[in-house]
Amino acid sequence: MERREFMRRLGLCAAVLPLRTLPAFAAEPGVAPAAVAALNADELRLLAAVAEGIIPTTDTPGAVAAQVPEFLALLYSEWMLEDERAQFRQQLQFIDDSAQKRYHAVFAACNVEQQSTLLEHWDADRMGAQPLGQARYFTRLRSLVLVGYYTSEIGQSTELKVQYGGGANHPGGPIFGAVPVHI
């Protein structure tokens, strides 16, 4: 990966995930932050199905292999503010309600074709001129899945083929290596 491409992708990540002060840093020294309820097993299965639908396993590992559902659960419990957690759960409920209404099953229990149909529908709504309601929530969930995947070990090494220290065998490389001294 070239330096410009790396910086472009880093900029995209920064645009998707605004900086937040973690609750642990805001707490007084020696005082543990309040415990946050974790996502339940059904919500984790739903996240796994959605993440795998967005980044399926092909000739490279998919979102589940890259542990994206676990990443999202960590964001939920450690990073999101209370109103964001409520919106996140509301989005998960919307996904299951939509699947129930259309296919009479929760999203995780639908077959791959049914899941793809729903994801494509929400993605088309997201691309509309003015994404409203649930489409904007899907946009955020989709963005978090992409960030989770492409910042994972699998996403970095298998999909993006990032090589840290690459170019060490070339004059002037790697970028962050020691500056050569010419006498």
C-alpha atoms as a PDB file:
ATOM      1  CA  MET A   1       0.000   0.000   0.000  1.00  0.00           C
ATOM      2  CA  GLU A   2       1.340   3.405  -0.867  1.00  0.00           C
ATOM      3  CA  ARG A   3       1.591   6.149   1.718  1.00  0.00           C
ATOM      4  CA  ARG A   4      -1.087   8.303   0.049  1.00  0.00           C
ATOM      5  CA  GLU A   5      -3.542   5.402  -0.042  1.00  0.00           C
ATOM      6  CA  PHE A   6      -2.850   4.681   3.622  1.00  0.00           C
ATOM      7  CA  MET A   7      -3.464   8.322   4.551  1.00  0.00           C
ATOM      8  CA  ARG A   8      -6.673   8.404   2.482  1.00  0.00           C
ATOM      9  CA  ARG A   9      -8.010   5.334   4.264  1.00  0.00           C
ATOM     10  CA  LEU A  10      -6.966   6.699   7.629  1.00  0.00           C
ATOM     11  CA  GLY A  11      -8.894   9.876   6.832  1.00  0.00           C
ATOM     12  CA  LEU A  12     -11.983   7.825   5.976  1.00  0.00           C
ATOM     13  CA  CYS A  13     -11.750   6.070   9.340  1.00  0.00           C
ATOM     14  CA  ALA A  14     -11.476   9.398  11.128  1.00  0.00           C
ATOM     15  CA  ALA A  15     -14.556  10.674   9.299  1.00  0.00           C
ATOM     16  CA  VAL A  16     -16.579   7.628  10.299  1.00  0.00           C
ATOM     17  CA  LEU A  17     -15.572   7.493  13.958  1.00  0.00           C
ATOM     18  CA  PRO A  18     -15.621  10.889  15.676  1.00  0.00           C
ATOM     19  CA  LEU A  19     -13.277  11.114  18.619  1.00  0.00           C
ATOM     20  CA  ARG A  20     -14.864  10.554  22.002  1.00  0.00           C
ATOM     21  CA  THR A  21     -13.610  10.745  25.517  1.00  0.00           C
ATOM     22  CA  LEU A  22     -13.920   7.270  26.967  1.00  0.00           C
ATOM     23  CA  PRO A  23     -15.934   7.137  30.197  1.00  0.00           C
ATOM     24  CA  ALA A  24     -12.959   5.568  31.972  1.00  0.00           C
ATOM     25  CA  PHE A  25     -10.882   8.701  31.358  1.00  0.00           C
ATOM     26  CA  ALA A  26     -13.659  10.981  32.562  1.00  0.00           C
ATOM     27  CA  ALA A  27     -14.020   9.154  35.875  1.00  0.00           C
ATOM     28  CA  GLU A  28     -12.264  10.316  38.987  1.00  0.00           C
ATOM     29  CA  PRO A  29      -9.020   8.485  39.750  1.00  0.00           C
ATOM     30  CA  GLY A  30      -9.700   5.276  41.614  1.00  0.00           C
ATOM     31  CA  VAL A  31     -13.407   5.270  40.708  1.00  0.00           C
ATOM     32  CA  ALA A  32     -14.509   2.620  38.219  1.00  0.00           C
ATOM     33  CA  PRO A  33     -16.973   3.748  35.529  1.00  0.00           C
ATOM     34  CA  ALA A  34     -20.522   2.428  35.798  1.00  0.00           C
ATOM     35  CA  ALA A  35     -21.045  -0.990  34.230  1.00  0.00           C
ATOM     36  CA  VAL A  36     -22.839  -1.015  30.891  1.00  0.00           C
ATOM     37  CA  ALA A  37     -25.147  -3.831  29.948  1.00  0.00           C
ATOM     38  CA  ALA A  38     -23.631  -5.913  27.158  1.00  0.00           C
ATOM     39  CA  LEU A  39     -25.397  -7.024  24.021  1.00  0.00           C
ATOM     40  CA  ASN A  40     -27.295 -10.278  24.474  1.00  0.00           C
ATOM     41  CA  ALA A  41     -26.733 -13.506  22.504  1.00  0.00           C
ATOM     42  CA  ASP A  42     -29.562 -12.772  20.032  1.00  0.00           C
ATOM     43  CA  GLU A  43     -28.128  -9.318  19.296  1.00  0.00           C
ATOM     44  CA  LEU A  44     -24.667 -10.815  18.771  1.00  0.00           C
ATOM     45  CA  ARG A  45     -26.098 -13.398  16.332  1.00  0.00           C
ATOM     46  CA  LEU A  46     -27.878 -10.574  14.516  1.00  0.00           C
ATOM     47  CA  LEU A  47     -24.659  -8.529  14.332  1.00  0.00           C
ATOM     48  CA  ALA A  48     -22.792 -11.561  13.005  1.00  0.00           C
ATOM     49  CA  ALA A  49     -25.402 -12.099  10.271  1.00  0.00           C
ATOM     50  CA  VAL A  50     -25.442  -8.419   9.273  1.00  0.00           C
ATOM     51  CA  ALA A  51     -21.639  -8.121   9.308  1.00  0.00           C
ATOM     52  CA  GLU A  52     -21.214 -11.297   7.243  1.00  0.00           C
ATOM     53  CA  GLY A  53     -23.872 -10.018   4.838  1.00  0.00           C
ATOM     54  CA  ILE A  54     -21.952  -6.786   4.355  1.00  0.00           C
ATOM     55  CA  ILE A  55     -18.513  -8.460   4.103  1.00  0.00           C
ATOM     56  CA  PRO A  56     -19.090 -12.132   3.257  1.00  0.00           C
ATOM     57  CA  THR A  57     -16.495 -14.843   3.174  1.00  0.00           C
ATOM     58  CA  THR A  58     -15.189 -15.228  -0.378  1.00  0.00           C
ATOM     59  CA  ASP A  59     -11.622 -15.978  -1.374  1.00  0.00           C
ATOM     60  CA  THR A  60     -10.761 -13.872   1.699  1.00  0.00           C
ATOM     61  CA  PRO A  61     -12.191 -14.281   5.210  1.00  0.00           C
ATOM     62  CA  GLY A  62     -15.399 -12.417   5.992  1.00  0.00           C
ATOM     63  CA  ALA A  63     -16.481 -10.163   8.828  1.00  0.00           C
ATOM     64  CA  VAL A  64     -17.188 -12.978  11.290  1.00  0.00           C
ATOM     65  CA  ALA A  65     -13.702 -14.440  10.841  1.00  0.00           C
ATOM     66  CA  ALA A  66     -12.302 -10.941  11.448  1.00  0.00           C
ATOM     67  CA  GLN A  67     -14.296 -10.791  14.719  1.00  0.00           C
ATOM     68  CA  VAL A  68     -16.316  -7.755  13.642  1.00  0.00           C
ATOM     69  CA  PRO A  69     -19.329  -8.685  15.846  1.00  0.00           C
ATOM     70  CA  GLU A  70     -17.032  -8.734  18.881  1.00  0.00           C
ATOM     71  CA  PHE A  71     -15.585  -5.374  17.799  1.00  0.00           C
ATOM     72  CA  LEU A  72     -19.095  -3.911  17.565  1.00  0.00           C
ATOM     73  CA  ALA A  73     -19.991  -5.327  20.976  1.00  0.00           C
ATOM     74  CA  LEU A  74     -16.857  -3.713  22.418  1.00  0.00           C
ATOM     75  CA  LEU A  75     -17.753  -0.380  20.846  1.00  0.00           C
ATOM     76  CA  TYR A  76     -21.246  -0.711  22.271  1.00  0.00           C
ATOM     77  CA  SER A  77     -20.113  -1.396  25.818  1.00  0.00           C
ATOM     78  CA  GLU A  78     -16.957   0.736  26.002  1.00  0.00           C
ATOM     79  CA  TRP A  79     -17.279   3.582  23.531  1.00  0.00           C
ATOM     80  CA  MET A  80     -20.882   4.531  22.741  1.00  0.00           C
ATOM     81  CA  LEU A  81     -22.717   7.111  24.771  1.00  0.00           C
ATOM     82  CA  GLU A  82     -26.033   6.203  26.350  1.00  0.00           C
ATOM     83  CA  ASP A  83     -28.153   7.733  23.564  1.00  0.00           C
ATOM     84  CA  GLU A  84     -25.982   6.026  20.927  1.00  0.00           C
ATOM     85  CA  ARG A  85     -26.470   2.672  22.645  1.00  0.00           C
ATOM     86  CA  ALA A  86     -30.231   3.244  22.603  1.00  0.00           C
ATOM     87  CA  GLN A  87     -30.118   4.079  18.874  1.00  0.00           C
ATOM     88  CA  PHE A  88     -27.881   1.073  18.189  1.00  0.00           C
ATOM     89  CA  ARG A  89     -30.325  -1.288  19.901  1.00  0.00           C
ATOM     90  CA  GLN A  90     -33.198   0.432  18.105  1.00  0.00           C
ATOM     91  CA  GLN A  91     -31.453  -0.260  14.786  1.00  0.00           C
ATOM     92  CA  LEU A  92     -30.957  -3.917  15.689  1.00  0.00           C
ATOM     93  CA  GLN A  93     -34.643  -4.159  16.597  1.00  0.00           C
ATOM     94  CA  PHE A  94     -35.605  -2.513  13.291  1.00  0.00           C
ATOM     95  CA  ILE A  95     -33.525  -5.072  11.365  1.00  0.00           C
ATOM     96  CA  ASP A  96     -35.224  -7.984  13.126  1.00  0.00           C
ATOM     97  CA  ASP A  97     -38.691  -6.405  12.820  1.00  0.00           C
ATOM     98  CA  SER A  98     -38.168  -5.865   9.077  1.00  0.00           C
ATOM     99  CA  ALA A  99     -37.104  -9.480   8.598  1.00  0.00           C
ATOM    100  CA  GLN A 100     -40.071 -10.711  10.667  1.00  0.00           C
ATOM    101  CA  LYS A 101     -42.491  -8.592   8.649  1.00  0.00           C
ATOM    102  CA  ARG A 102     -41.139  -9.707   5.286  1.00  0.00           C
ATOM    103  CA  TYR A 103     -39.978 -13.294   5.913  1.00  0.00           C
ATOM    104  CA  HIS A 104     -41.603 -14.278   9.250  1.00  0.00           C
ATOM    105  CA  ALA A 105     -38.206 -14.944  10.847  1.00  0.00           C
ATOM    106  CA  VAL A 106     -35.561 -12.918  12.656  1.00  0.00           C
ATOM    107  CA  PHE A 107     -32.748 -11.664  10.416  1.00  0.00           C
ATOM    108  CA  ALA A 108     -30.197 -14.217  11.652  1.00  0.00           C
ATOM    109  CA  ALA A 109     -32.644 -17.061  10.863  1.00  0.00           C
ATOM    110  CA  CYS A 110     -33.277 -15.879   7.285  1.00  0.00           C
ATOM    111  CA  ASN A 111     -31.377 -17.523   4.450  1.00  0.00           C
ATOM    112  CA  VAL A 112     -28.514 -15.680   2.743  1.00  0.00           C
ATOM    113  CA  GLU A 113     -30.672 -14.579  -0.198  1.00  0.00           C
ATOM    114  CA  GLN A 114     -33.303 -13.057   2.102  1.00  0.00           C
ATOM    115  CA  GLN A 115     -30.634 -11.314   4.184  1.00  0.00           C
ATOM    116  CA  SER A 116     -29.000  -9.945   1.030  1.00  0.00           C
ATOM    117  CA  THR A 117     -32.328  -8.619  -0.222  1.00  0.00           C
ATOM    118  CA  LEU A 118     -32.898  -6.702   3.005  1.00  0.00           C
ATOM    119  CA  LEU A 119     -29.329  -5.372   3.137  1.00  0.00           C
ATOM    120  CA  GLU A 120     -29.506  -4.254  -0.502  1.00  0.00           C
ATOM    121  CA  HIS A 121     -32.821  -2.497   0.190  1.00  0.00           C
ATOM    122  CA  TRP A 122     -31.358  -0.574   3.145  1.00  0.00           C
ATOM    123  CA  ASP A 123     -28.218   0.202   1.171  1.00  0.00           C
ATOM    124  CA  ALA A 124     -30.320   1.615  -1.689  1.00  0.00           C
ATOM    125  CA  ASP A 125     -32.218   3.772   0.841  1.00  0.00           C
ATOM    126  CA  ARG A 126     -28.869   4.909   2.218  1.00  0.00           C
ATOM    127  CA  MET A 127     -27.803   6.070  -1.228  1.00  0.00           C
ATOM    128  CA  GLY A 128     -30.968   8.146  -1.699  1.00  0.00           C
ATOM    129  CA  ALA A 129     -30.788  11.917  -1.954  1.00  0.00           C
ATOM    130  CA  GLN A 130     -31.962  12.376   1.622  1.00  0.00           C
ATOM    131  CA  PRO A 131     -31.547   9.242   3.708  1.00  0.00           C
ATOM    132  CA  LEU A 132     -34.249   9.325   6.338  1.00  0.00           C
ATOM    133  CA  GLY A 133     -35.081   7.320   9.412  1.00  0.00           C
ATOM    134  CA  GLN A 134     -33.631   3.848   9.550  1.00  0.00           C
ATOM    135  CA  ALA A 135     -31.480   4.320   6.427  1.00  0.00           C
ATOM    136  CA  ARG A 136     -29.192   6.715   8.284  1.00  0.00           C
ATOM    137  CA  TYR A 137     -28.865   4.232  11.148  1.00  0.00           C
ATOM    138  CA  PHE A 138     -27.979   1.492   8.663  1.00  0.00           C
ATOM    139  CA  THR A 139     -25.343   3.824   7.211  1.00  0.00           C
ATOM    140  CA  ARG A 140     -23.683   4.054  10.604  1.00  0.00           C
ATOM    141  CA  LEU A 141     -23.893   0.314  11.254  1.00  0.00           C
ATOM    142  CA  ARG A 142     -22.453  -0.407   7.811  1.00  0.00           C
ATOM    143  CA  SER A 143     -19.620   2.062   8.438  1.00  0.00           C
ATOM    144  CA  LEU A 144     -18.801   0.453  11.776  1.00  0.00           C
ATOM    145  CA  VAL A 145     -18.702  -2.990  10.144  1.00  0.00           C
ATOM    146  CA  LEU A 146     -16.286  -1.693   7.505  1.00  0.00           C
ATOM    147  CA  VAL A 147     -14.052  -0.021  10.093  1.00  0.00           C
ATOM    148  CA  GLY A 148     -14.099  -3.156  12.238  1.00  0.00           C
ATOM    149  CA  TYR A 149     -13.120  -5.337   9.303  1.00  0.00           C
ATOM    150  CA  TYR A 150     -10.430  -3.157   7.761  1.00  0.00           C
ATOM    151  CA  THR A 151      -8.762  -2.420  11.087  1.00  0.00           C
ATOM    152  CA  SER A 152      -8.674  -6.102  12.048  1.00  0.00           C
ATOM    153  CA  GLU A 153      -5.648  -8.345  11.582  1.00  0.00           C
ATOM    154  CA  ILE A 154      -7.472 -10.233   8.816  1.00  0.00           C
ATOM    155  CA  GLY A 155      -8.606  -7.086   7.029  1.00  0.00           C
ATOM    156  CA  GLN A 156      -5.147  -5.548   7.181  1.00  0.00           C
ATOM    157  CA  SER A 157      -3.080  -8.575   6.202  1.00  0.00           C
ATOM    158  CA  THR A 158      -5.412 -10.580   3.941  1.00  0.00           C
ATOM    159  CA  GLU A 159      -7.633  -8.028   2.246  1.00  0.00           C
ATOM    160  CA  LEU A 160      -5.495  -4.876   2.186  1.00  0.00           C
ATOM    161  CA  LYS A 161      -2.173  -6.769   2.207  1.00  0.00           C
ATOM    162  CA  VAL A 162      -0.532  -4.196   4.460  1.00  0.00           C
ATOM    163  CA  GLN A 163       3.123  -4.947   5.175  1.00  0.00           C
ATOM    164  CA  TYR A 164       4.635  -2.992   8.008  1.00  0.00           C
ATOM    165  CA  GLY A 165       8.296  -2.377   7.479  1.00  0.00           C
ATOM    166  CA  GLY A 166       7.932  -3.112   3.773  1.00  0.00           C
ATOM    167  CA  GLY A 167      10.658  -1.603   1.644  1.00  0.00           C
ATOM    168  CA  ALA A 168      13.411  -2.204   4.195  1.00  0.00           C
ATOM    169  CA  ASN A 169      15.406  -3.913   1.475  1.00  0.00           C
ATOM    170  CA  HIS A 170      15.198  -0.807  -0.745  1.00  0.00           C
ATOM    171  CA  PRO A 171      17.303   2.352  -0.390  1.00  0.00           C
ATOM    172  CA  GLY A 172      15.417   4.967   1.636  1.00  0.00           C
ATOM    173  CA  GLY A 173      12.873   2.510   3.035  1.00  0.00           C
ATOM    174  CA  PRO A 174      10.908   1.776   5.088  1.00  0.00           C
ATOM    175  CA  ILE A 175       9.185   5.111   5.661  1.00  0.00           C
ATOM    176  CA  PHE A 176       9.533   4.967   9.435  1.00  0.00           C
ATOM    177  CA  GLY A 177      12.974   3.381   9.497  1.00  0.00           C
ATOM    178  CA  ALA A 178      16.179   4.984  10.628  1.00  0.00           C
ATOM    179  CA  VAL A 179      17.483   7.823   8.503  1.00  0.00           C
ATOM    180  CA  PRO A 180      20.500   6.590   6.523  1.00  0.00           C
ATOM    181  CA  VAL A 181      23.743   8.357   7.380  1.00  0.00           C
ATOM    182  CA  HIS A 182      26.019   9.112   4.431  1.00  0.00           C
ATOM    183  CA  ILE A 183      29.603  10.004   5.276  1.00  0.00           C
END
